[in-house]
């Protein structure tokens, strides 16, 4: 029997979306700041899916909010199961195929800066699963990968 006073697991199971913006052999990354979580680390534009959104809609919205671009077409690349502190959830990584605008740091209160990095010169303080997604694109791997290593 479930104690209704205890938090339910689903309340701690976020769905998070991220988008690879790759152009001319470079990927756009944002450096986190003032979040209290993984500050100083590089990540992809992304965030939590909101109630009533599809996963793709969430990824497109996050690109507008964080990178200031309008994405016209995205494809799913990777799905990562993860555990972090007391959360367990899913990261969905998309690849933008077409967008309008120039990617920039559209949330300076959350990110120190955003810029394009060569695919073979990713900053050392880039999240491991982000590096893995970039590597899979670089290697020409096609299709969707499901990665269930909870320690990534």
Protein backbone atom coordinates (compact mmCIF):
# COMPACT_ATOMS: atom_id res chain seq x y z
CA UNK A 1 0.00 0.00 0.00
CA UNK A 2 1.28 3.48 -0.91
CA UNK A 3 1.44 6.09 1.82
CA UNK A 4 -0.11 9.21 0.26
CA UNK A 5 2.08 11.38 2.50
CA UNK A 6 5.26 10.04 0.85
CA UNK A 7 6.44 11.59 -2.44
CA UNK A 8 5.60 9.42 -5.41
CA UNK A 9 8.51 8.26 -7.59
CA UNK A 10 7.01 9.79 -10.71
CA UNK A 11 7.35 13.22 -9.07
CA UNK A 12 11.12 12.70 -9.17
CA UNK A 13 11.37 11.33 -12.70
CA UNK A 14 12.00 14.25 -15.06
CA UNK A 15 12.06 14.08 -18.83
CA UNK A 16 14.78 16.39 -20.10
CA UNK A 17 15.43 17.39 -23.71
CA UNK A 18 18.65 18.61 -25.34
CA UNK A 19 19.51 19.64 -28.88
CA UNK A 20 22.76 19.31 -30.80
CA UNK A 21 23.29 22.38 -32.99
CA UNK A 22 26.04 21.39 -35.42
CA UNK A 23 27.20 23.70 -38.18
CA UNK A 24 30.40 23.66 -40.28
CA UNK A 25 32.01 20.97 -38.13
CA UNK A 26 31.25 22.79 -34.87
CA UNK A 27 28.74 22.22 -32.06
CA UNK A 28 27.09 24.93 -29.96
CA UNK A 29 27.62 24.53 -26.20
CA UNK A 30 26.55 26.63 -23.24
CA UNK A 31 28.59 26.98 -20.03
CA UNK A 32 26.41 26.75 -16.90
CA UNK A 33 26.62 29.38 -14.13
CA UNK A 34 24.60 30.40 -11.05
CA UNK A 35 22.39 27.29 -11.17
CA UNK A 36 23.75 25.50 -8.13
CA UNK A 37 24.18 22.37 -10.23
CA UNK A 38 27.19 21.61 -12.44
CA UNK A 39 28.20 25.26 -12.72
CA UNK A 40 31.22 25.69 -15.02
CA UNK A 41 30.30 22.64 -17.12
CA UNK A 42 29.35 22.82 -20.80
CA UNK A 43 26.03 21.47 -21.96
CA UNK A 44 23.63 21.53 -24.90
CA UNK A 45 20.62 23.84 -25.08
CA UNK A 46 17.86 22.00 -23.25
CA UNK A 47 15.70 21.61 -20.22
CA UNK A 48 12.66 19.98 -18.67
CA UNK A 49 9.64 19.01 -20.69
CA UNK A 50 6.57 20.92 -19.55
CA UNK A 51 3.09 19.54 -19.04
CA UNK A 52 1.15 19.45 -22.32
CA UNK A 53 4.23 19.49 -24.59
CA UNK A 54 5.53 16.77 -26.84
CA UNK A 55 9.20 15.92 -26.48
CA UNK A 56 10.01 17.63 -29.79
CA UNK A 57 8.04 20.73 -28.82
CA UNK A 58 10.02 20.93 -25.58
CA UNK A 59 13.35 20.67 -27.45
CA UNK A 60 12.31 23.39 -29.90
CA UNK A 61 11.10 25.67 -27.07
CA UNK A 62 14.36 25.20 -25.15
CA UNK A 63 16.38 26.19 -28.24
CA UNK A 64 14.38 29.44 -28.46
CA UNK A 65 14.80 30.13 -24.73
CA UNK A 66 18.48 29.21 -24.34
CA UNK A 67 20.08 29.68 -27.78
CA UNK A 68 17.74 32.27 -29.34
CA UNK A 69 17.06 30.26 -32.49
CA UNK A 70 13.95 28.87 -34.18
CA UNK A 71 14.41 25.19 -35.01
CA UNK A 72 12.52 24.01 -38.09
CA UNK A 73 13.48 20.35 -38.10
CA UNK A 74 14.96 17.98 -35.50
CA UNK A 75 15.55 14.24 -35.25
CA UNK A 76 15.98 12.10 -32.16
CA UNK A 77 19.57 10.85 -31.73
CA UNK A 78 20.02 9.43 -28.23
CA UNK A 79 18.05 8.51 -25.13
CA UNK A 80 19.96 8.31 -21.86
CA UNK A 81 18.69 6.91 -18.57
CA UNK A 82 20.30 8.80 -15.72
CA UNK A 83 20.56 9.10 -11.95
CA UNK A 84 21.71 12.35 -10.39
CA UNK A 85 21.59 12.97 -6.67
CA UNK A 86 18.03 11.87 -5.73
CA UNK A 87 16.58 12.00 -9.24
CA UNK A 88 16.28 9.39 -11.92
CA UNK A 89 14.99 10.30 -15.35
CA UNK A 90 15.48 10.35 -19.10
CA UNK A 91 17.55 12.65 -21.32
CA UNK A 92 16.40 12.88 -24.94
CA UNK A 93 19.04 14.27 -27.31
CA UNK A 94 17.94 15.66 -30.66
CA UNK A 95 19.94 16.84 -33.66
CA UNK A 96 18.71 20.06 -35.26
CA UNK A 97 18.67 19.69 -39.03
CA UNK A 98 17.57 23.22 -39.86
CA UNK A 99 17.14 26.43 -37.87
CA UNK A 100 16.74 30.18 -38.31
CA UNK A 101 18.91 32.70 -36.51
CA UNK A 102 22.35 32.66 -34.95
CA UNK A 103 22.87 30.58 -31.84
CA UNK A 104 23.82 32.73 -28.86
CA UNK A 105 23.55 32.73 -25.07
CA UNK A 106 19.93 33.81 -24.71
CA UNK A 107 19.88 33.20 -20.92
CA UNK A 108 22.89 35.06 -19.46
CA UNK A 109 21.54 34.57 -15.94
CA UNK A 110 21.91 30.80 -16.34
CA UNK A 111 24.90 30.52 -18.69
CA UNK A 112 28.29 32.23 -18.61
CA UNK A 113 28.56 32.04 -22.40
CA UNK A 114 27.60 30.04 -25.44
CA UNK A 115 29.75 29.36 -28.46
CA UNK A 116 30.54 26.92 -31.21
CA UNK A 117 33.39 24.45 -30.64
CA UNK A 118 35.07 22.26 -33.23
CA UNK A 119 33.80 18.70 -32.95
CA UNK A 120 37.35 17.50 -32.24
CA UNK A 121 38.04 20.23 -29.63
CA UNK A 122 35.25 19.83 -27.07
CA UNK A 123 36.08 21.49 -23.71
CA UNK A 124 37.21 19.02 -21.00
CA UNK A 125 34.42 20.21 -18.65
CA UNK A 126 31.69 18.98 -21.00
CA UNK A 127 29.18 16.49 -19.62
CA UNK A 128 30.18 12.93 -20.53
CA UNK A 129 26.94 11.97 -22.23
CA UNK A 130 27.11 15.21 -24.29
CA UNK A 131 30.57 14.16 -25.48
CA UNK A 132 29.16 10.71 -26.32
CA UNK A 133 26.32 12.21 -28.40
CA UNK A 134 28.76 14.47 -30.25
CA UNK A 135 31.03 11.45 -30.92
CA UNK A 136 28.14 9.42 -32.31
CA UNK A 137 27.31 12.21 -34.79
CA UNK A 138 31.00 12.64 -35.66
CA UNK A 139 31.40 8.92 -36.34
CA UNK A 140 28.47 8.94 -38.75
CA UNK A 141 26.41 6.60 -36.58
CA UNK A 142 22.79 6.77 -37.72
CA UNK A 143 19.59 6.01 -35.90
CA UNK A 144 18.66 6.35 -32.26
CA UNK A 145 20.84 5.02 -29.45
CA UNK A 146 19.44 3.96 -26.08
CA UNK A 147 22.07 4.27 -23.35
CA UNK A 148 21.05 2.78 -20.03
CA UNK A 149 24.20 3.38 -17.99
CA UNK A 150 22.77 5.19 -14.96
CA UNK A 151 26.23 6.48 -14.04
CA UNK A 152 26.71 8.58 -17.21
